[in-house]
Amino acid sequence: MLTCLLNKQTIAVTGGAGLIGSYLVDELVGVAAKVIVIDDFSKGLRSNLVQCAGRIEIREGNLEDPLFATDSLSDADIVFHLASRAYGIGYAQGHHLETVAHNERITNNLVAALAVHRPKHLVVTSSSCVYRDDGPDTVAEVQVFEGEPEMANWGYGWAKRFLEQKCVILSRETGIPVTIVRPFNIYGERYRWVGAYSQAIPMLVKRILDGEDPVVVWGSGRQRRTYIHAHDCARIMKRLAEIGHTDGPINIGLEETVSIRELAKLICKVSGRNPSIGFDITKPEGRFIKSADASLLRAVLGDFPIVTVDLEEGLQRMLGWYRTTFSNISPSNNG
């Protein structure tokens, strides 16, 4: 087991101002000699990094530019790659090719830069979208080039499959150790609102706190998801790097699920609102059950806790996100 892999290293985090990335930066500043945030701020927020001011270096730019990608990673001992384009299910419809193309440009530039610089370790953020819709309800870390990825996020799923495979090939040809993680449904209060393209939890929080009645949910409401807070996802990613896990992809998620109907009711409970809940079955709802087999994660982490922020606490935090995000925005301008 490799321990203290991150201690006093120069660590680069692509997408470091984003939802997961910013929590990861928080975790790393205490152990790294230097933390480099690589972000174009198209989704990441500078406000997510204020608590680390003076302790990080920000390299602003677009990883779709090969020269920037090469230069920005030049002195990194460890690289955590989180930069990608992913929105809610509303965006995916009609944007599959655009999503693949964008992420492929980043992936190709990243791989080329890493082949030149050869860091000591690479942590790659994939997605649960790589899994097939017709697989088991609770998904273990299976190979993913049989059948299609999750159809509701088809383009994004393919982009992440390509990312995983290219990084495996990079590792074999260069010897760079690679950790591949597949997070399931990450949420948190550092989310950047993207209007109708936003993800389920921020979308529901906004509709409920905006006073909509009824609140209309996409799909039947019976579809089930496992959720994990971005803070916990970041903690786990850091720990997997410290352990040096390179034995194939690993899920970050849990077996326990909540239905979207139950989720909406829980948001109502924590917010003190009581609207009626309606369902639009003409809208896509994605895979019916997304549940992560966490057996491998538990075996690798040992007594390291997976969850420190439970769903109810996380939703309480999302109420603060709503107030911060929309307090100075009129309803006509916030969609």
C-alpha atoms as a PDB file:
ATOM      1  CA  MET A   1       0.000   0.000   0.000  1.00  0.00           C
ATOM      2  CA  LEU A   2       1.268   3.438  -0.947  1.00  0.00           C
ATOM      3  CA  THR A   3       0.728   5.932   1.841  1.00  0.00           C
ATOM      4  CA  CYS A   4       1.362   9.683   2.030  1.00  0.00           C
ATOM      5  CA  LEU A   5       1.531   9.741  -1.773  1.00  0.00           C
ATOM      6  CA  LEU A   6       0.259  13.317  -1.758  1.00  0.00           C
ATOM      7  CA  ASN A   7       2.455  14.665   1.020  1.00  0.00           C
ATOM      8  CA  LYS A   8       4.401  17.748  -0.043  1.00  0.00           C
ATOM      9  CA  GLN A   9       3.751  17.163  -3.740  1.00  0.00           C
ATOM     10  CA  THR A  10       2.752  19.649  -6.418  1.00  0.00           C
ATOM     11  CA  ILE A  11      -0.835  18.684  -7.220  1.00  0.00           C
ATOM     12  CA  ALA A  12      -2.897  19.906 -10.167  1.00  0.00           C
ATOM     13  CA  VAL A  13      -6.698  19.728 -10.132  1.00  0.00           C
ATOM     14  CA  THR A  14      -8.397  20.257 -13.485  1.00  0.00           C
ATOM     15  CA  GLY A  15     -11.878  21.626 -12.910  1.00  0.00           C
ATOM     16  CA  GLY A  16     -10.692  22.655  -9.460  1.00  0.00           C
ATOM     17  CA  ALA A  17     -13.269  25.446  -9.094  1.00  0.00           C
ATOM     18  CA  GLY A  18     -16.169  23.078  -9.737  1.00  0.00           C
ATOM     19  CA  LEU A  19     -18.537  21.225  -7.448  1.00  0.00           C
ATOM     20  CA  ILE A  20     -16.302  18.266  -6.583  1.00  0.00           C
ATOM     21  CA  GLY A  21     -13.032  19.910  -7.538  1.00  0.00           C
ATOM     22  CA  SER A  22     -13.296  22.771  -5.070  1.00  0.00           C
ATOM     23  CA  TYR A  23     -13.912  20.387  -2.153  1.00  0.00           C
ATOM     24  CA  LEU A  24     -10.941  18.356  -3.335  1.00  0.00           C
ATOM     25  CA  VAL A  25      -8.793  21.490  -3.331  1.00  0.00           C
ATOM     26  CA  ASP A  26      -9.894  22.095   0.280  1.00  0.00           C
ATOM     27  CA  GLU A  27      -8.698  18.595   1.167  1.00  0.00           C
ATOM     28  CA  LEU A  28      -5.366  18.961  -0.622  1.00  0.00           C
ATOM     29  CA  VAL A  29      -4.128  22.327   0.614  1.00  0.00           C
ATOM     30  CA  GLY A  30      -3.299  20.823   3.991  1.00  0.00           C
ATOM     31  CA  VAL A  31      -0.974  18.147   2.624  1.00  0.00           C
ATOM     32  CA  ALA A  32       0.414  19.376  -0.695  1.00  0.00           C
ATOM     33  CA  ALA A  33       3.448  21.581  -1.171  1.00  0.00           C
ATOM     34  CA  LYS A  34       1.523  23.351  -3.905  1.00  0.00           C
ATOM     35  CA  VAL A  35      -2.029  23.061  -5.284  1.00  0.00           C
ATOM     36  CA  ILE A  36      -2.685  24.233  -8.830  1.00  0.00           C
ATOM     37  CA  VAL A  37      -6.281  24.871  -9.908  1.00  0.00           C
ATOM     38  CA  ILE A  38      -6.767  24.548 -13.669  1.00  0.00           C
ATOM     39  CA  ASP A  39     -10.145  25.913 -14.744  1.00  0.00           C
ATOM     40  CA  ASP A  40     -11.759  28.060 -17.412  1.00  0.00           C
ATOM     41  CA  PHE A  41     -14.581  29.020 -15.007  1.00  0.00           C
ATOM     42  CA  SER A  42     -17.248  28.070 -17.528  1.00  0.00           C
ATOM     43  CA  LYS A  43     -18.882  26.024 -14.768  1.00  0.00           C
ATOM     44  CA  GLY A  44     -16.578  26.415 -11.813  1.00  0.00           C
ATOM     45  CA  LEU A  45     -17.008  29.395  -9.505  1.00  0.00           C
ATOM     46  CA  ARG A  46     -14.246  31.593  -8.122  1.00  0.00           C
ATOM     47  CA  SER A  47     -16.292  31.887  -4.936  1.00  0.00           C
ATOM     48  CA  ASN A  48     -15.763  28.145  -4.396  1.00  0.00           C
ATOM     49  CA  LEU A  49     -12.076  28.850  -3.832  1.00  0.00           C
ATOM     50  CA  VAL A  50     -12.150  31.888  -1.525  1.00  0.00           C
ATOM     51  CA  GLN A  51     -11.420  29.792   1.549  1.00  0.00           C
ATOM     52  CA  CYS A  52      -8.133  28.730  -0.068  1.00  0.00           C
ATOM     53  CA  ALA A  53      -7.027  32.199  -1.141  1.00  0.00           C
ATOM     54  CA  GLY A  54      -3.281  32.624  -0.826  1.00  0.00           C
ATOM     55  CA  ARG A  55      -2.715  28.868  -0.644  1.00  0.00           C
ATOM     56  CA  ILE A  56      -3.351  27.890  -4.255  1.00  0.00           C
ATOM     57  CA  GLU A  57      -2.246  28.904  -7.730  1.00  0.00           C
ATOM     58  CA  ILE A  58      -4.964  29.417 -10.323  1.00  0.00           C
ATOM     59  CA  ARG A  59      -4.111  28.731 -13.943  1.00  0.00           C
ATOM     60  CA  GLU A  60      -7.069  29.986 -15.923  1.00  0.00           C
ATOM     61  CA  GLY A  61      -7.559  28.611 -19.402  1.00  0.00           C
ATOM     62  CA  ASN A  62      -9.315  26.126 -21.644  1.00  0.00           C
ATOM     63  CA  LEU A  63      -8.002  22.568 -21.786  1.00  0.00           C
ATOM     64  CA  GLU A  64      -9.387  22.376 -25.318  1.00  0.00           C
ATOM     65  CA  ASP A  65      -6.284  24.422 -26.208  1.00  0.00           C
ATOM     66  CA  PRO A  66      -3.411  21.896 -26.508  1.00  0.00           C
ATOM     67  CA  LEU A  67      -0.726  24.448 -25.672  1.00  0.00           C
ATOM     68  CA  PHE A  68      -2.501  25.526 -22.509  1.00  0.00           C
ATOM     69  CA  ALA A  69      -3.065  21.893 -21.514  1.00  0.00           C
ATOM     70  CA  THR A  70       0.631  21.103 -21.904  1.00  0.00           C
ATOM     71  CA  ASP A  71       1.851  24.218 -20.133  1.00  0.00           C
ATOM     72  CA  SER A  72      -0.647  24.061 -17.252  1.00  0.00           C
ATOM     73  CA  LEU A  73       0.379  20.513 -16.282  1.00  0.00           C
ATOM     74  CA  SER A  74       4.117  20.930 -16.773  1.00  0.00           C
ATOM     75  CA  ASP A  75       5.232  20.855 -13.116  1.00  0.00           C
ATOM     76  CA  ALA A  76       2.536  18.640 -11.558  1.00  0.00           C
ATOM     77  CA  ASP A  77       3.634  15.603  -9.549  1.00  0.00           C
ATOM     78  CA  ILE A  78       0.031  14.434  -9.093  1.00  0.00           C
ATOM     79  CA  VAL A  79      -2.921  15.199 -11.372  1.00  0.00           C
ATOM     80  CA  PHE A  80      -6.594  14.947 -10.452  1.00  0.00           C
ATOM     81  CA  HIS A  81      -8.652  15.279 -13.635  1.00  0.00           C
ATOM     82  CA  LEU A  82     -12.220  16.479 -13.107  1.00  0.00           C
ATOM     83  CA  ALA A  83     -12.732  18.987 -15.931  1.00  0.00           C
ATOM     84  CA  SER A  84     -15.626  18.043 -18.210  1.00  0.00           C
ATOM     85  CA  ARG A  85     -18.931  19.313 -19.532  1.00  0.00           C
ATOM     86  CA  ALA A  86     -21.934  17.735 -17.841  1.00  0.00           C
ATOM     87  CA  TYR A  87     -25.336  19.225 -17.156  1.00  0.00           C
ATOM     88  CA  GLY A  88     -28.708  17.800 -16.222  1.00  0.00           C
ATOM     89  CA  ILE A  89     -30.826  15.438 -18.261  1.00  0.00           C
ATOM     90  CA  GLY A  90     -32.525  18.383 -19.971  1.00  0.00           C
ATOM     91  CA  TYR A  91     -29.264  19.390 -21.652  1.00  0.00           C
ATOM     92  CA  ALA A  92     -28.311  15.911 -22.800  1.00  0.00           C
ATOM     93  CA  GLN A  93     -31.228  15.669 -25.211  1.00  0.00           C
ATOM     94  CA  GLY A  94     -29.994  16.911 -28.561  1.00  0.00           C
ATOM     95  CA  HIS A  95     -26.449  17.619 -27.322  1.00  0.00           C
ATOM     96  CA  HIS A  96     -24.864  14.151 -27.321  1.00  0.00           C
ATOM     97  CA  LEU A  97     -22.460  14.835 -30.198  1.00  0.00           C
ATOM     98  CA  GLU A  98     -21.496  18.233 -28.808  1.00  0.00           C
ATOM     99  CA  THR A  99     -20.822  16.663 -25.416  1.00  0.00           C
ATOM    100  CA  VAL A 100     -18.643  13.912 -26.889  1.00  0.00           C
ATOM    101  CA  ALA A 101     -16.690  16.351 -29.031  1.00  0.00           C
ATOM    102  CA  HIS A 102     -16.011  18.784 -26.180  1.00  0.00           C
ATOM    103  CA  ASN A 103     -14.870  16.121 -23.747  1.00  0.00           C
ATOM    104  CA  GLU A 104     -12.799  14.301 -26.372  1.00  0.00           C
ATOM    105  CA  ARG A 105     -10.828  17.454 -27.126  1.00  0.00           C
ATOM    106  CA  ILE A 106     -10.026  17.820 -23.441  1.00  0.00           C
ATOM    107  CA  THR A 107      -9.194  14.118 -23.070  1.00  0.00           C
ATOM    108  CA  ASN A 108      -6.865  14.071 -26.066  1.00  0.00           C
ATOM    109  CA  ASN A 109      -5.011  17.181 -24.919  1.00  0.00           C
ATOM    110  CA  LEU A 110      -4.754  15.865 -21.368  1.00  0.00           C
ATOM    111  CA  VAL A 111      -3.377  12.492 -22.456  1.00  0.00           C
ATOM    112  CA  ALA A 112      -0.853  14.119 -24.780  1.00  0.00           C
ATOM    113  CA  ALA A 113       0.345  16.471 -22.023  1.00  0.00           C
ATOM    114  CA  LEU A 114       0.643  13.682 -19.468  1.00  0.00           C
ATOM    115  CA  ALA A 115       2.577  11.491 -21.901  1.00  0.00           C
ATOM    116  CA  VAL A 116       5.149  14.278 -22.092  1.00  0.00           C
ATOM    117  CA  HIS A 117       5.298  15.274 -18.415  1.00  0.00           C
ATOM    118  CA  ARG A 118       4.722  11.843 -16.816  1.00  0.00           C
ATOM    119  CA  PRO A 119       3.458  12.719 -13.329  1.00  0.00           C
ATOM    120  CA  LYS A 120       3.780  10.308 -10.426  1.00  0.00           C
ATOM    121  CA  HIS A 121       0.057   9.572 -10.282  1.00  0.00           C
ATOM    122  CA  LEU A 122      -3.159  10.379 -12.157  1.00  0.00           C
ATOM    123  CA  VAL A 123      -6.689  10.291 -10.747  1.00  0.00           C
ATOM    124  CA  VAL A 124      -9.381  10.314 -13.433  1.00  0.00           C
ATOM    125  CA  THR A 125     -13.023  11.170 -12.802  1.00  0.00           C
ATOM    126  CA  SER A 126     -15.335   9.048 -14.933  1.00  0.00           C
ATOM    127  CA  SER A 127     -19.083   8.664 -14.297  1.00  0.00           C
ATOM    128  CA  SER A 128     -21.836   6.188 -13.518  1.00  0.00           C
ATOM    129  CA  CYS A 129     -23.197   7.164 -16.957  1.00  0.00           C
ATOM    130  CA  VAL A 130     -20.777   4.639 -18.496  1.00  0.00           C
ATOM    131  CA  TYR A 131     -23.036   1.785 -17.316  1.00  0.00           C
ATOM    132  CA  ARG A 132     -25.743   0.173 -19.423  1.00  0.00           C
ATOM    133  CA  ASP A 133     -29.412   0.823 -18.776  1.00  0.00           C
ATOM    134  CA  ASP A 134     -30.203  -2.889 -18.987  1.00  0.00           C
ATOM    135  CA  GLY A 135     -27.693  -3.953 -16.343  1.00  0.00           C
ATOM    136  CA  PRO A 136     -28.508  -4.893 -12.740  1.00  0.00           C
ATOM    137  CA  ASP A 137     -30.161  -2.288 -10.527  1.00  0.00           C
ATOM    138  CA  THR A 138     -27.112  -2.231  -8.252  1.00  0.00           C
ATOM    139  CA  VAL A 139     -24.078  -1.919 -10.504  1.00  0.00           C
ATOM    140  CA  ALA A 140     -20.628  -3.278  -9.754  1.00  0.00           C
ATOM    141  CA  GLU A 141     -17.456  -2.171 -11.544  1.00  0.00           C
ATOM    142  CA  VAL A 142     -18.020  -4.087 -14.784  1.00  0.00           C
ATOM    143  CA  GLN A 143     -16.248  -3.566 -18.099  1.00  0.00           C
ATOM    144  CA  VAL A 144     -18.182  -1.007 -20.087  1.00  0.00           C
ATOM    145  CA  PHE A 145     -17.586  -1.611 -23.789  1.00  0.00           C
ATOM    146  CA  GLU A 146     -20.486  -4.020 -24.164  1.00  0.00           C
ATOM    147  CA  GLY A 147     -23.726  -2.350 -25.192  1.00  0.00           C
ATOM    148  CA  GLU A 148     -24.535   1.343 -24.963  1.00  0.00           C
ATOM    149  CA  PRO A 149     -23.925   3.648 -21.992  1.00  0.00           C
ATOM    150  CA  GLU A 150     -26.863   5.200 -20.150  1.00  0.00           C
ATOM    151  CA  MET A 151     -29.117   6.459 -22.928  1.00  0.00           C
ATOM    152  CA  ALA A 152     -30.343   9.613 -21.192  1.00  0.00           C
ATOM    153  CA  ASN A 153     -26.685  10.747 -21.004  1.00  0.00           C
ATOM    154  CA  TRP A 154     -25.537   8.811 -24.055  1.00  0.00           C
ATOM    155  CA  GLY A 155     -22.917  11.243 -25.346  1.00  0.00           C
ATOM    156  CA  TYR A 156     -21.470  11.930 -21.909  1.00  0.00           C
ATOM    157  CA  GLY A 157     -21.331   8.203 -21.179  1.00  0.00           C
ATOM    158  CA  TRP A 158     -19.364   7.544 -24.351  1.00  0.00           C
ATOM    159  CA  ALA A 159     -17.001  10.430 -23.609  1.00  0.00           C
ATOM    160  CA  LYS A 160     -16.245   8.974 -20.189  1.00  0.00           C
ATOM    161  CA  ARG A 161     -15.756   5.479 -21.629  1.00  0.00           C
ATOM    162  CA  PHE A 162     -13.217   6.928 -24.083  1.00  0.00           C
ATOM    163  CA  LEU A 163     -11.512   8.833 -21.247  1.00  0.00           C
ATOM    164  CA  GLU A 164     -11.152   5.698 -19.143  1.00  0.00           C
ATOM    165  CA  GLN A 165      -9.734   3.597 -21.972  1.00  0.00           C
ATOM    166  CA  LYS A 166      -7.272   6.221 -23.165  1.00  0.00           C
ATOM    167  CA  CYS A 167      -5.951   6.668 -19.633  1.00  0.00           C
ATOM    168  CA  VAL A 168      -5.530   2.893 -19.256  1.00  0.00           C
ATOM    169  CA  ILE A 169      -3.501   2.847 -22.480  1.00  0.00           C
ATOM    170  CA  LEU A 170      -1.508   5.873 -21.277  1.00  0.00           C
ATOM    171  CA  SER A 171      -0.715   4.040 -18.041  1.00  0.00           C
ATOM    172  CA  ARG A 172       0.429   0.890 -19.807  1.00  0.00           C
ATOM    173  CA  GLU A 173       2.680   2.743 -22.221  1.00  0.00           C
ATOM    174  CA  THR A 174       4.175   5.265 -19.775  1.00  0.00           C
ATOM    175  CA  GLY A 175       3.959   3.534 -16.392  1.00  0.00           C
ATOM    176  CA  ILE A 176       1.933   6.391 -14.862  1.00  0.00           C
ATOM    177  CA  PRO A 177      -0.249   4.867 -12.100  1.00  0.00           C
ATOM    178  CA  VAL A 178      -3.912   5.663 -12.771  1.00  0.00           C
ATOM    179  CA  THR A 179      -6.885   5.673 -10.399  1.00  0.00           C
ATOM    180  CA  ILE A 180     -10.276   5.749 -12.152  1.00  0.00           C
ATOM    181  CA  VAL A 181     -13.355   6.700 -10.136  1.00  0.00           C
ATOM    182  CA  ARG A 182     -17.010   6.454 -11.199  1.00  0.00           C
ATOM    183  CA  PRO A 183     -19.108   8.802  -9.031  1.00  0.00           C
ATOM    184  CA  PHE A 184     -22.883   8.343  -8.755  1.00  0.00           C
ATOM    185  CA  ASN A 185     -25.142  11.438  -8.622  1.00  0.00           C
ATOM    186  CA  ILE A 186     -23.012  14.003  -6.825  1.00  0.00           C
ATOM    187  CA  TYR A 187     -24.661  17.124  -5.416  1.00  0.00           C
ATOM    188  CA  GLY A 188     -23.755  19.995  -3.131  1.00  0.00           C
ATOM    189  CA  GLU A 189     -24.080  23.660  -2.302  1.00  0.00           C
ATOM    190  CA  ARG A 190     -21.226  24.767  -4.571  1.00  0.00           C
ATOM    191  CA  TYR A 191     -23.281  23.934  -7.640  1.00  0.00           C
ATOM    192  CA  ARG A 192     -23.420  26.457 -10.480  1.00  0.00           C
ATOM    193  CA  TRP A 193     -26.982  27.058 -11.637  1.00  0.00           C
ATOM    194  CA  VAL A 194     -27.421  26.535 -15.390  1.00  0.00           C
ATOM    195  CA  GLY A 195     -31.136  27.187 -15.713  1.00  0.00           C
ATOM    196  CA  ALA A 196     -33.197  24.512 -17.434  1.00  0.00           C
ATOM    197  CA  TYR A 197     -30.041  22.408 -17.876  1.00  0.00           C
ATOM    198  CA  SER A 198     -29.484  22.063 -14.123  1.00  0.00           C
ATOM    199  CA  GLN A 199     -29.378  18.751 -12.294  1.00  0.00           C
ATOM    200  CA  ALA A 200     -32.204  17.199 -10.298  1.00  0.00           C
ATOM    201  CA  ILE A 201     -31.494  18.332  -6.741  1.00  0.00           C
ATOM    202  CA  PRO A 202     -30.770  22.021  -7.468  1.00  0.00           C
ATOM    203  CA  MET A 203     -33.702  22.070  -9.885  1.00  0.00           C
ATOM    204  CA  LEU A 204     -36.103  20.704  -7.259  1.00  0.00           C
ATOM    205  CA  VAL A 205     -34.737  22.968  -4.525  1.00  0.00           C
ATOM    206  CA  LYS A 206     -35.230  26.017  -6.695  1.00  0.00           C
ATOM    207  CA  ARG A 207     -38.756  25.097  -7.766  1.00  0.00           C
ATOM    208  CA  ILE A 208     -39.868  24.366  -4.232  1.00  0.00           C
ATOM    209  CA  LEU A 209     -38.273  27.457  -2.685  1.00  0.00           C
ATOM    210  CA  ASP A 210     -39.540  29.628  -5.535  1.00  0.00           C
ATOM    211  CA  GLY A 211     -43.022  28.739  -4.301  1.00  0.00           C
ATOM    212  CA  GLU A 212     -44.160  26.766  -7.327  1.00  0.00           C
ATOM    213  CA  ASP A 213     -47.362  24.853  -6.697  1.00  0.00           C
ATOM    214  CA  PRO A 214     -47.642  22.295  -8.052  1.00  0.00           C
ATOM    215  CA  VAL A 215     -43.985  21.385  -8.400  1.00  0.00           C
ATOM    216  CA  VAL A 216     -43.763  19.327 -11.574  1.00  0.00           C
ATOM    217  CA  VAL A 217     -41.132  16.574 -11.585  1.00  0.00           C
ATOM    218  CA  TRP A 218     -39.825  15.001 -14.770  1.00  0.00           C
ATOM    219  CA  GLY A 219     -40.817  11.362 -15.216  1.00  0.00           C
ATOM    220  CA  SER A 220     -42.942   9.195 -12.979  1.00  0.00           C
ATOM    221  CA  GLY A 221     -41.242  10.154  -9.723  1.00  0.00           C
ATOM    222  CA  ARG A 222     -40.645   6.454  -9.036  1.00  0.00           C
ATOM    223  CA  GLN A 223     -37.152   6.465 -10.541  1.00  0.00           C
ATOM    224  CA  ARG A 224     -34.576   5.891  -7.810  1.00  0.00           C
ATOM    225  CA  ARG A 225     -31.100   7.343  -7.289  1.00  0.00           C
ATOM    226  CA  THR A 226     -28.244   7.064  -4.852  1.00  0.00           C
ATOM    227  CA  TYR A 227     -26.819  10.455  -3.913  1.00  0.00           C
ATOM    228  CA  ILE A 228     -23.521  11.406  -2.327  1.00  0.00           C
ATOM    229  CA  HIS A 229     -22.412  14.877  -1.296  1.00  0.00           C
ATOM    230  CA  ALA A 230     -19.502  16.432  -3.213  1.00  0.00           C
ATOM    231  CA  HIS A 231     -17.512  16.855   0.001  1.00  0.00           C
ATOM    232  CA  ASP A 232     -17.588  13.096   0.579  1.00  0.00           C
ATOM    233  CA  CYS A 233     -16.756  12.349  -3.043  1.00  0.00           C
ATOM    234  CA  ALA A 234     -13.692  14.610  -2.777  1.00  0.00           C
ATOM    235  CA  ARG A 235     -12.571  13.017   0.497  1.00  0.00           C
ATOM    236  CA  ILE A 236     -12.820   9.576  -1.072  1.00  0.00           C
ATOM    237  CA  MET A 237     -10.896  10.590  -4.190  1.00  0.00           C
ATOM    238  CA  LYS A 238      -8.065  11.957  -2.062  1.00  0.00           C
ATOM    239  CA  ARG A 239      -8.007   8.800   0.048  1.00  0.00           C
ATOM    240  CA  LEU A 240      -7.920   6.510  -2.998  1.00  0.00           C
ATOM    241  CA  ALA A 241      -4.910   8.433  -4.273  1.00  0.00           C
ATOM    242  CA  GLU A 242      -3.204   8.134  -0.871  1.00  0.00           C
ATOM    243  CA  ILE A 243      -3.849   4.398  -0.850  1.00  0.00           C
ATOM    244  CA  GLY A 244      -2.618   4.137  -4.413  1.00  0.00           C
ATOM    245  CA  HIS A 245      -5.614   2.218  -5.760  1.00  0.00           C
ATOM    246  CA  THR A 246      -4.901   1.391  -9.413  1.00  0.00           C
ATOM    247  CA  ASP A 247      -6.646  -1.976  -9.709  1.00  0.00           C
ATOM    248  CA  GLY A 248      -9.379  -0.941 -12.128  1.00  0.00           C
ATOM    249  CA  PRO A 249     -12.260   1.560 -11.891  1.00  0.00           C
ATOM    250  CA  ILE A 250     -14.041   2.011  -8.578  1.00  0.00           C
ATOM    251  CA  ASN A 251     -17.567   3.254  -7.840  1.00  0.00           C
ATOM    252  CA  ILE A 252     -18.133   6.197  -5.521  1.00  0.00           C
ATOM    253  CA  GLY A 253     -21.696   5.745  -4.339  1.00  0.00           C
ATOM    254  CA  LEU A 254     -23.951   3.599  -2.192  1.00  0.00           C
ATOM    255  CA  GLU A 255     -26.496   0.826  -2.584  1.00  0.00           C
ATOM    256  CA  GLU A 256     -29.242   2.795  -0.806  1.00  0.00           C
ATOM    257  CA  THR A 257     -31.532   4.799  -3.083  1.00  0.00           C
ATOM    258  CA  VAL A 258     -34.292   7.370  -2.793  1.00  0.00           C
ATOM    259  CA  SER A 259     -37.086   7.894  -5.309  1.00  0.00           C
ATOM    260  CA  ILE A 260     -37.417  11.294  -6.928  1.00  0.00           C
ATOM    261  CA  ARG A 261     -40.861  11.548  -5.316  1.00  0.00           C
ATOM    262  CA  GLU A 262     -39.305  10.887  -1.890  1.00  0.00           C
ATOM    263  CA  LEU A 263     -36.529  13.350  -2.663  1.00  0.00           C
ATOM    264  CA  ALA A 264     -39.005  16.102  -3.472  1.00  0.00           C
ATOM    265  CA  LYS A 265     -40.919  15.416  -0.250  1.00  0.00           C
ATOM    266  CA  LEU A 266     -37.681  15.509   1.775  1.00  0.00           C
ATOM    267  CA  ILE A 267     -36.791  18.900   0.285  1.00  0.00           C
ATOM    268  CA  CYS A 268     -40.269  20.110   1.257  1.00  0.00           C
ATOM    269  CA  LYS A 269     -39.711  18.830   4.782  1.00  0.00           C
ATOM    270  CA  VAL A 270     -36.341  20.520   5.329  1.00  0.00           C
ATOM    271  CA  SER A 271     -37.550  23.774   3.732  1.00  0.00           C
ATOM    272  CA  GLY A 272     -40.883  23.912   5.550  1.00  0.00           C
ATOM    273  CA  ARG A 273     -42.811  24.139   2.273  1.00  0.00           C
ATOM    274  CA  ASN A 274     -45.840  22.027   1.360  1.00  0.00           C
ATOM    275  CA  PRO A 275     -46.649  22.302  -2.363  1.00  0.00           C
ATOM    276  CA  SER A 276     -48.416  19.559  -4.277  1.00  0.00           C
ATOM    277  CA  ILE A 277     -46.087  17.398  -6.370  1.00  0.00           C
ATOM    278  CA  GLY A 278     -46.964  16.561  -9.972  1.00  0.00           C
ATOM    279  CA  PHE A 279     -45.223  14.346 -12.533  1.00  0.00           C
ATOM    280  CA  ASP A 280     -44.691  14.794 -16.260  1.00  0.00           C
ATOM    281  CA  ILE A 281     -44.288  11.334 -17.764  1.00  0.00           C
ATOM    282  CA  THR A 282     -43.646  12.824 -21.215  1.00  0.00           C
ATOM    283  CA  LYS A 283     -40.229  13.961 -19.973  1.00  0.00           C
ATOM    284  CA  PRO A 284     -37.183  11.651 -19.788  1.00  0.00           C
ATOM    285  CA  GLU A 285     -36.322  10.207 -16.407  1.00  0.00           C
ATOM    286  CA  GLY A 286     -33.157   8.269 -17.273  1.00  0.00           C
ATOM    287  CA  ARG A 287     -32.261   4.881 -15.924  1.00  0.00           C
ATOM    288  CA  PHE A 288     -35.017   3.730 -13.555  1.00  0.00           C
ATOM    289  CA  ILE A 289     -32.681   2.715 -10.711  1.00  0.00           C
ATOM    290  CA  LYS A 290     -29.127   3.987 -10.239  1.00  0.00           C
ATOM    291  CA  SER A 291     -27.588   2.166  -7.299  1.00  0.00           C
ATOM    292  CA  ALA A 292     -23.861   1.624  -6.760  1.00  0.00           C
ATOM    293  CA  ASP A 293     -22.398  -1.630  -5.535  1.00  0.00           C
ATOM    294  CA  ALA A 294     -19.980  -0.210  -2.956  1.00  0.00           C
ATOM    295  CA  SER A 295     -18.384  -3.546  -2.006  1.00  0.00           C
ATOM    296  CA  LEU A 296     -15.074  -2.746  -3.653  1.00  0.00           C
ATOM    297  CA  LEU A 297     -15.048   0.788  -2.267  1.00  0.00           C
ATOM    298  CA  ARG A 298     -15.587  -0.488   1.277  1.00  0.00           C
ATOM    299  CA  ALA A 299     -12.886  -3.137   0.863  1.00  0.00           C
ATOM    300  CA  VAL A 300     -10.359  -0.597  -0.394  1.00  0.00           C
ATOM    301  CA  LEU A 301     -11.206   2.145   2.124  1.00  0.00           C
ATOM    302  CA  GLY A 302     -11.381  -0.108   5.185  1.00  0.00           C
ATOM    303  CA  ASP A 303     -12.574   1.923   8.166  1.00  0.00           C
ATOM    304  CA  PHE A 304     -12.434   5.221   6.250  1.00  0.00           C
ATOM    305  CA  PRO A 305     -16.039   6.540   6.284  1.00  0.00           C
ATOM    306  CA  ILE A 306     -17.856   6.880   2.967  1.00  0.00           C
ATOM    307  CA  VAL A 307     -20.548   9.298   4.189  1.00  0.00           C
ATOM    308  CA  THR A 308     -20.059  12.225   6.534  1.00  0.00           C
ATOM    309  CA  VAL A 309     -22.839  14.401   5.049  1.00  0.00           C
ATOM    310  CA  ASP A 310     -26.132  12.502   4.927  1.00  0.00           C
ATOM    311  CA  LEU A 311     -28.863  13.412   2.449  1.00  0.00           C
ATOM    312  CA  GLU A 312     -30.974  15.451   4.863  1.00  0.00           C
ATOM    313  CA  GLU A 313     -27.983  17.524   5.995  1.00  0.00           C
ATOM    314  CA  GLY A 314     -26.918  17.947   2.374  1.00  0.00           C
ATOM    315  CA  LEU A 315     -30.365  19.234   1.438  1.00  0.00           C
ATOM    316  CA  GLN A 316     -30.250  21.659   4.348  1.00  0.00           C
ATOM    317  CA  ARG A 317     -27.030  22.984   2.861  1.00  0.00           C
ATOM    318  CA  MET A 318     -28.770  23.320  -0.501  1.00  0.00           C
ATOM    319  CA  LEU A 319     -31.225  25.746   1.097  1.00  0.00           C
ATOM    320  CA  GLY A 320     -28.223  27.978   1.766  1.00  0.00           C
ATOM    321  CA  TRP A 321     -27.153  27.509  -1.840  1.00  0.00           C
ATOM    322  CA  TYR A 322     -30.557  28.736  -2.985  1.00  0.00           C
ATOM    323  CA  ARG A 323     -30.417  31.846  -0.819  1.00  0.00           C
ATOM    324  CA  THR A 324     -26.890  32.698  -1.955  1.00  0.00           C
ATOM    325  CA  THR A 325     -27.554  32.020  -5.635  1.00  0.00           C
ATOM    326  CA  PHE A 326     -30.905  33.706  -6.053  1.00  0.00           C
ATOM    327  CA  SER A 327     -31.138  36.350  -3.333  1.00  0.00           C
ATOM    328  CA  ASN A 328     -30.325  39.178  -5.748  1.00  0.00           C
ATOM    329  CA  ILE A 329     -31.891  37.735  -8.889  1.00  0.00           C
ATOM    330  CA  SER A 330     -35.464  38.371  -9.923  1.00  0.00           C
ATOM    331  CA  PRO A 331     -37.567  35.349 -10.869  1.00  0.00           C
ATOM    332  CA  SER A 332     -37.750  36.518 -14.491  1.00  0.00           C
ATOM    333  CA  ASN A 333     -33.957  36.434 -14.852  1.00  0.00           C
ATOM    334  CA  ASN A 334     -32.912  33.316 -12.991  1.00  0.00           C
ATOM    335  CA  GLY A 335     -33.963  30.597 -15.429  1.00  0.00           C
END
